[in-house]
Amino acid sequence: MSTPSLEPSTTLQPLPKSSLFKETFRIFIKSKRAVFGLVCALLLVCAAILAPWITPQNPYDLLQLDILDSRLPPGSENGMGTFIYLLGTDGQGRDLYSAIVYGLRISLIVGLGAAFIASVIGTTVGIASAYFGGRVDAILMRTVDLMLSFPSILVAMMILAYLGKGVGNVILTLVILEWAYYARTARGQALAERQKEYVAAAHNLVISKWRIMLKHILVNCLPALIVIAALQVARAITLEATMSFLGLGVPVTEPSLGLLISNGYQYMLSGQYWISFFPGIALLLTIMSLNLIGDRLRDVFNPRSLS
């Protein structure tokens, strides 16, 4: 796509953000799959935020649990007959619906937290590498290449085996694994933006390098980075679920969706499928909705789709 030539006097004017957002949203909602993914994602986020108010039980409160209610099938009443276990219970007697909603909260905190921190670090590295070039670019990109060459699962297992379980440790591990993806994408976009006329106009006006990188180059790199972020949140949640399933992720006192699936794995052969099945469905919906949003954003920000 050819980039329109901008005069120096108009290059540094702010973009019409409101109209740009409306146009992007208008194109986004043309896809039914994307709308479905967006609605699912919003519902899941709202459920995670409102967990204490929409669940009949706090799965973290041992005083609310009864071991006699363990592994009850869906639709069973609790021991006191005060509410119904809509999705059954797990091996600890926790209401599975409540455990899934609270577990969804942990999974989203890990995924969104890791993606945000990794995007800040990776974007900074990528834009600085493209802007300064030379030895700085060579050193930073060789580091990125080294990070991308290792298998993610293997690196995550090694780091978590050393750090131990915990939400903070999982987020740190995912940041180490993901920042290089943002750096590579940001560098590619920044290299293209650096050659454009509005950057030359900014140099002629003696604007500082950091202001050029942050206010001008970064702004025009955001579409590609937003797409990467949507997909990387789903990837982070998947990696966390895998680590928790293997017993290296979050502790049992703060179960994520992956850990809930792992807790029910031993009961699958005895016919108590619901303990792993329903958390698996929740994890599937979460990852699918984020991928649908990311795929649509990639199409929306693709210049050919806008022509």
Protein backbone atom coordinates (compact mmCIF):
# COMPACT_ATOMS: atom_id res chain seq x y z
CA MET A 1 0.00 0.00 0.00
CA SER A 2 1.35 3.41 -0.91
CA THR A 3 1.67 5.84 1.98
CA PRO A 4 0.19 9.29 1.33
CA SER A 5 2.76 12.09 1.29
CA LEU A 6 2.36 14.47 4.21
CA GLU A 7 3.61 18.03 4.42
CA PRO A 8 5.89 18.82 7.39
CA SER A 9 3.37 21.32 8.73
CA THR A 10 0.63 18.70 8.90
CA THR A 11 2.67 15.64 9.72
CA LEU A 12 2.84 16.27 13.44
CA GLN A 13 -0.87 16.97 13.86
CA PRO A 14 -2.69 14.38 16.04
CA LEU A 15 -4.68 11.72 14.23
CA PRO A 16 -8.50 11.86 14.45
CA LYS A 17 -8.64 9.09 17.04
CA SER A 18 -12.42 9.04 17.49
CA SER A 19 -13.20 8.68 13.78
CA LEU A 20 -10.39 6.15 13.36
CA PHE A 21 -11.81 4.07 16.21
CA LYS A 22 -15.34 4.23 14.79
CA GLU A 23 -14.14 3.14 11.36
CA THR A 24 -12.09 0.29 12.82
CA PHE A 25 -15.03 -0.87 14.94
CA ARG A 26 -17.40 -0.66 11.97
CA ILE A 27 -15.16 -2.94 9.93
CA PHE A 28 -14.58 -5.24 12.90
CA ILE A 29 -18.28 -5.98 13.53
CA LYS A 30 -18.85 -7.00 9.91
CA SER A 31 -17.50 -10.42 10.87
CA LYS A 32 -20.01 -12.54 12.81
CA ARG A 33 -17.23 -14.72 14.16
CA ALA A 34 -15.39 -11.68 15.48
CA VAL A 35 -18.55 -10.36 17.13
CA PHE A 36 -19.13 -13.78 18.70
CA GLY A 37 -15.56 -13.78 20.01
CA LEU A 38 -15.89 -10.23 21.35
CA VAL A 39 -19.17 -11.01 23.13
CA CYS A 40 -17.73 -14.19 24.64
CA ALA A 41 -14.61 -12.37 25.79
CA LEU A 42 -16.63 -9.56 27.39
CA LEU A 43 -18.90 -12.04 29.17
CA LEU A 44 -15.92 -14.00 30.48
CA VAL A 45 -14.17 -10.85 31.71
CA CYS A 46 -17.36 -9.63 33.41
CA ALA A 47 -17.85 -13.03 35.05
CA ALA A 48 -14.29 -12.97 36.38
CA ILE A 49 -14.72 -9.45 37.79
CA LEU A 50 -18.10 -10.22 39.36
CA ALA A 51 -17.08 -13.64 40.68
CA PRO A 52 -17.89 -12.94 44.38
CA TRP A 53 -21.41 -11.82 43.47
CA ILE A 54 -22.45 -14.39 40.85
CA THR A 55 -21.19 -17.58 42.49
CA PRO A 56 -22.88 -19.46 45.36
CA GLN A 57 -19.60 -20.41 46.99
CA ASN A 58 -16.08 -19.10 47.53
CA PRO A 59 -13.87 -22.03 46.52
CA TYR A 60 -10.95 -20.51 48.49
CA ASP A 61 -12.87 -20.49 51.79
CA LEU A 62 -12.39 -23.86 53.50
CA LEU A 63 -15.28 -23.13 55.86
CA GLN A 64 -17.68 -23.23 52.90
CA LEU A 65 -16.47 -26.61 51.66
CA ASP A 66 -17.72 -30.04 52.71
CA ILE A 67 -15.71 -33.11 51.78
CA LEU A 68 -18.93 -35.14 51.83
CA ASP A 69 -20.05 -33.14 48.78
CA SER A 70 -17.01 -34.14 46.72
CA ARG A 71 -17.45 -35.42 43.17
CA LEU A 72 -21.20 -34.87 43.01
CA PRO A 73 -22.64 -34.94 39.48
CA PRO A 74 -24.17 -31.82 37.86
CA GLY A 75 -27.55 -30.84 39.29
CA SER A 76 -26.94 -32.26 42.77
CA GLU A 77 -27.94 -30.38 45.93
CA ASN A 78 -25.39 -29.47 48.54
CA GLY A 79 -25.46 -31.19 51.92
CA MET A 80 -27.60 -28.48 53.51
CA GLY A 81 -29.96 -28.21 50.54
CA THR A 82 -29.37 -24.47 50.19
CA PHE A 83 -28.27 -24.45 46.54
CA ILE A 84 -27.70 -26.76 43.58
CA TYR A 85 -24.31 -27.63 42.15
CA LEU A 86 -25.14 -26.76 38.54
CA LEU A 87 -21.91 -28.26 37.16
CA GLY A 88 -21.23 -30.70 39.99
CA THR A 89 -18.31 -30.65 42.43
CA ASP A 90 -14.64 -31.57 42.28
CA GLY A 91 -12.59 -33.83 44.52
CA GLN A 92 -12.38 -31.20 47.29
CA GLY A 93 -16.14 -30.63 47.39
CA ARG A 94 -15.94 -27.27 45.65
CA ASP A 95 -18.81 -26.09 43.51
CA LEU A 96 -17.37 -26.50 40.04
CA TYR A 97 -19.20 -23.49 38.63
CA SER A 98 -17.72 -21.27 41.37
CA ALA A 99 -14.27 -22.80 40.91
CA ILE A 100 -14.40 -22.17 37.15
CA VAL A 101 -15.38 -18.50 37.55
CA TYR A 102 -12.66 -17.89 40.12
CA GLY A 103 -10.19 -19.94 38.05
CA LEU A 104 -11.06 -17.83 35.02
CA ARG A 105 -10.07 -14.77 37.05
CA ILE A 106 -6.62 -16.23 37.74
CA SER A 107 -6.13 -17.25 34.10
CA LEU A 108 -7.07 -13.79 32.83
CA ILE A 109 -4.87 -12.04 35.38
CA VAL A 110 -1.93 -14.17 34.30
CA GLY A 111 -2.61 -13.78 30.57
CA LEU A 112 -3.36 -10.05 30.56
CA GLY A 113 -0.64 -9.21 33.07
CA ALA A 114 2.03 -11.12 31.19
CA ALA A 115 0.94 -9.71 27.83
CA PHE A 116 0.96 -6.12 29.09
CA ILE A 117 4.40 -6.27 30.72
CA ALA A 118 5.89 -8.20 27.79
CA SER A 119 4.42 -5.71 25.29
CA VAL A 120 5.96 -2.74 27.12
CA ILE A 121 9.40 -4.37 27.28
CA GLY A 122 9.32 -5.85 23.78
CA THR A 123 7.95 -2.72 22.10
CA THR A 124 10.60 -0.55 23.76
CA VAL A 125 13.37 -2.89 22.66
CA GLY A 126 12.03 -3.22 19.11
CA ILE A 127 11.53 0.49 18.46
CA ALA A 128 14.89 1.43 20.00
CA SER A 129 16.59 -1.25 17.91
CA ALA A 130 15.05 0.03 14.68
CA TYR A 131 15.59 3.71 15.44
CA PHE A 132 19.23 3.61 16.59
CA GLY A 133 20.34 0.78 14.29
CA GLY A 134 23.98 -0.22 14.02
CA ARG A 135 25.53 -2.01 16.98
CA VAL A 136 22.47 -1.43 19.16
CA ASP A 137 20.25 -3.13 16.59
CA ALA A 138 22.67 -6.04 16.16
CA ILE A 139 22.97 -6.74 19.90
CA LEU A 140 19.25 -6.45 20.63
CA MET A 141 18.13 -8.52 17.66
CA ARG A 142 20.65 -11.29 18.35
CA THR A 143 19.20 -11.44 21.87
CA VAL A 144 15.70 -11.64 20.40
CA ASP A 145 16.77 -14.39 18.00
CA LEU A 146 18.26 -16.32 20.91
CA MET A 147 15.04 -16.05 22.93
CA LEU A 148 12.91 -17.17 19.99
CA SER A 149 15.11 -20.18 19.29
CA PHE A 150 14.30 -21.97 22.57
CA PRO A 151 11.18 -24.17 22.96
CA SER A 152 8.69 -22.23 25.09
CA ILE A 153 7.46 -25.18 27.15
CA LEU A 154 10.98 -26.33 27.99
CA VAL A 155 12.09 -22.84 29.06
CA ALA A 156 8.93 -22.35 31.13
CA MET A 157 9.43 -25.67 32.92
CA MET A 158 13.03 -24.81 33.75
CA ILE A 159 12.20 -21.34 35.06
CA LEU A 160 9.22 -22.45 37.15
CA ALA A 161 11.14 -25.42 38.51
CA TYR A 162 13.66 -22.90 39.85
CA LEU A 163 11.26 -20.14 40.95
CA GLY A 164 8.50 -22.38 42.29
CA LYS A 165 4.73 -22.06 42.05
CA GLY A 166 2.89 -18.77 42.26
CA VAL A 167 0.91 -16.36 40.13
CA GLY A 168 3.75 -13.82 40.15
CA ASN A 169 6.31 -16.41 39.12
CA VAL A 170 4.09 -17.60 36.27
CA ILE A 171 3.64 -14.03 35.00
CA LEU A 172 7.41 -13.43 35.18
CA THR A 173 8.05 -16.65 33.26
CA LEU A 174 5.57 -15.72 30.54
CA VAL A 175 7.07 -12.23 30.22
CA ILE A 176 10.49 -13.80 29.64
CA LEU A 177 8.98 -16.02 26.94
CA GLU A 178 6.83 -13.41 25.17
CA TRP A 179 8.69 -10.09 25.06
CA ALA A 180 10.77 -11.17 22.06
CA TYR A 181 7.64 -11.56 19.88
CA TYR A 182 6.70 -7.93 20.51
CA ALA A 183 10.29 -6.80 19.93
CA ARG A 184 10.49 -8.50 16.54
CA THR A 185 7.13 -7.10 15.41
CA ALA A 186 7.82 -3.59 16.73
CA ARG A 187 11.22 -3.49 15.02
CA GLY A 188 9.76 -4.50 11.66
CA GLN A 189 7.05 -1.84 11.87
CA ALA A 190 9.42 0.83 13.17
CA LEU A 191 11.92 0.24 10.35
CA ALA A 192 9.19 0.97 7.83
CA GLU A 193 7.97 4.06 9.72
CA ARG A 194 11.48 5.43 10.17
CA GLN A 195 11.86 5.93 6.41
CA LYS A 196 8.69 8.00 6.04
CA GLU A 197 8.50 11.74 5.55
CA TYR A 198 6.84 12.64 8.82
CA VAL A 199 9.90 11.30 10.72
CA ALA A 200 12.20 13.45 8.56
CA ALA A 201 9.93 16.42 9.26
CA ALA A 202 10.20 15.75 12.99
CA HIS A 203 13.99 15.70 12.71
CA ASN A 204 13.94 19.02 10.85
CA LEU A 205 11.94 20.54 13.71
CA VAL A 206 14.67 19.38 16.14
CA ILE A 207 12.32 17.17 18.14
CA SER A 208 14.05 14.86 20.62
CA LYS A 209 14.70 11.24 19.61
CA TRP A 210 12.62 9.77 22.41
CA ARG A 211 9.66 11.99 21.53
CA ILE A 212 9.87 10.90 17.92
CA MET A 213 9.98 7.24 18.96
CA LEU A 214 7.14 7.48 21.45
CA LYS A 215 4.79 10.04 19.92
CA HIS A 216 5.21 9.32 16.22
CA ILE A 217 6.77 5.93 15.45
CA LEU A 218 5.08 4.06 18.31
CA VAL A 219 1.64 5.42 17.45
CA ASN A 220 1.90 4.12 13.90
CA CYS A 221 3.17 0.73 15.11
CA LEU A 222 0.23 0.19 17.45
CA PRO A 223 -2.12 -1.62 15.00
CA ALA A 224 0.30 -4.51 14.48
CA LEU A 225 1.15 -4.60 18.19
CA ILE A 226 -2.54 -4.75 19.16
CA VAL A 227 -2.99 -7.81 16.95
CA ILE A 228 0.05 -9.49 18.50
CA ALA A 229 -1.20 -8.63 21.99
CA ALA A 230 -4.61 -10.24 21.41
CA LEU A 231 -3.00 -13.44 20.16
CA GLN A 232 -0.31 -13.45 22.84
CA VAL A 233 -2.88 -13.21 25.65
CA ALA A 234 -4.41 -16.43 24.37
CA ARG A 235 -0.95 -17.99 24.10
CA ALA A 236 -0.07 -16.92 27.65
CA ILE A 237 -3.27 -18.46 29.02
CA THR A 238 -2.54 -21.67 27.12
CA LEU A 239 1.03 -21.85 28.45
CA GLU A 240 -0.15 -21.16 32.00
CA ALA A 241 -2.78 -23.89 31.71
CA THR A 242 -0.16 -26.32 30.43
CA MET A 243 2.23 -25.51 33.27
CA SER A 244 -0.54 -25.76 35.87
CA PHE A 245 -1.69 -29.06 34.40
CA LEU A 246 1.87 -30.36 34.81
CA GLY A 247 1.94 -29.13 38.41
CA LEU A 248 4.40 -26.26 37.85
CA GLY A 249 2.05 -23.28 37.60
CA VAL A 250 -0.25 -21.71 40.14
CA PRO A 251 -0.70 -23.23 43.62
CA VAL A 252 -3.74 -25.31 44.58
CA THR A 253 -4.97 -22.48 46.80
CA GLU A 254 -5.43 -20.29 43.69
CA PRO A 255 -6.65 -22.70 41.02
CA SER A 256 -6.62 -21.59 37.41
CA LEU A 257 -8.53 -23.32 34.63
CA GLY A 258 -5.50 -25.46 33.83
CA LEU A 259 -5.20 -26.65 37.41
CA LEU A 260 -8.93 -27.42 37.57
CA ILE A 261 -8.55 -29.60 34.48
CA SER A 262 -5.60 -31.34 36.08
CA ASN A 263 -7.54 -31.97 39.31
CA GLY A 264 -10.19 -33.94 37.43
CA TYR A 265 -7.87 -35.89 35.17
CA GLN A 266 -7.52 -38.77 37.65
CA TYR A 267 -11.31 -39.22 37.79
CA MET A 268 -11.89 -39.37 34.03
CA LEU A 269 -11.66 -43.16 33.77
CA SER A 270 -14.17 -43.60 36.62
CA GLY A 271 -16.83 -41.72 34.64
CA GLN A 272 -16.66 -38.45 36.60
CA TYR A 273 -16.03 -36.47 33.45
CA TRP A 274 -17.48 -33.16 34.61
CA ILE A 275 -14.54 -32.30 36.87
CA SER A 276 -12.26 -31.78 33.86
CA PHE A 277 -14.83 -31.33 31.10
CA PHE A 278 -16.43 -28.05 32.19
CA PRO A 279 -13.15 -26.26 33.03
CA GLY A 280 -11.89 -27.47 29.64
CA ILE A 281 -14.90 -25.91 27.92
CA ALA A 282 -14.28 -22.63 29.76
CA LEU A 283 -10.61 -22.66 28.72
CA LEU A 284 -11.59 -23.46 25.12
CA LEU A 285 -14.08 -20.56 24.98
CA THR A 286 -11.53 -18.15 26.45
CA ILE A 287 -8.77 -19.03 24.00
CA MET A 288 -11.13 -19.26 21.03
CA SER A 289 -12.70 -15.85 21.70
CA LEU A 290 -9.29 -14.18 21.99
CA ASN A 291 -8.05 -15.84 18.80
CA LEU A 292 -11.19 -14.77 16.91
CA ILE A 293 -10.63 -11.18 18.03
CA GLY A 294 -6.94 -11.31 17.11
CA ASP A 295 -7.63 -12.83 13.68
CA ARG A 296 -10.22 -10.17 12.90
CA LEU A 297 -7.98 -7.34 14.07
CA ARG A 298 -5.27 -8.68 11.78
CA ASP A 299 -7.70 -8.45 8.86
CA VAL A 300 -8.92 -5.00 9.87
CA PHE A 301 -5.41 -3.55 10.11
CA ASN A 302 -4.30 -5.25 6.90
CA PRO A 303 -4.03 -2.44 4.30
CA ARG A 304 -5.43 -4.69 1.55
CA SER A 305 -8.61 -5.31 3.52
CA LEU A 306 -9.15 -1.57 3.94
CA SER A 307 -8.65 -0.71 0.30
